[in-house]
Amino acid sequence: MTKITHGKRIGKKGRIRLGCSAVVFDESREKVLLTKRTDNGLWCLPSGGVEPGESVEETVIREAREETGLTIRVLRLVGVYSDPDSLVVYNDDTAVQIVALNFEAEITVGEPGLSDETSDWGYFSLGEIDKLDMLLNHKIRIQDTFAGQVSAFIK
């Protein structure tokens, strides 16, 4: 199981890992697609780490496909997120401080489904998201996407 620890500048104990996430709205643009992770049971945006030789756009498209079965198209960069006070420790004891790029995206092909990384999925409003156990700073990424700011947030 992946563990997340918090503490003053605890990120120094890990290495930097670049990740990407996608906010995908439903047709009404009032709810966003979330998945429930199989490794820790937390709700999150379709997301994951950048692989060598891959662009960040390719990463977010691949991760959405792997986790939901959807083909998406990136619309805009919403923000860049880093938290030096959080450390993610994976099952193999690899410790990372995540720096994430969050994108707004739209579905081009498919219907959401499950994978070996996801045990559930759904579309949720901001009010419903408040009641969910969410991964890291995914909630703030969603709030920033709803804000519709033209320039990217940097947090």
Foldseek 3Di string as FASTA:
>chain_A
DKDKAFDDLPQVVAAEFEKEFEWEADPVNQWTKWFQFPVPRAIAGQMDTDDPPDDNQRRHQVSCCQAWVFGKHFDDWAAWDWDSGMWMQDPVRHIHTYIYIYTYIYTDDDDGDGHNGGDDMDIGGLVRVVVGRHDDCRSVSVVSVVVVDPDHYYD
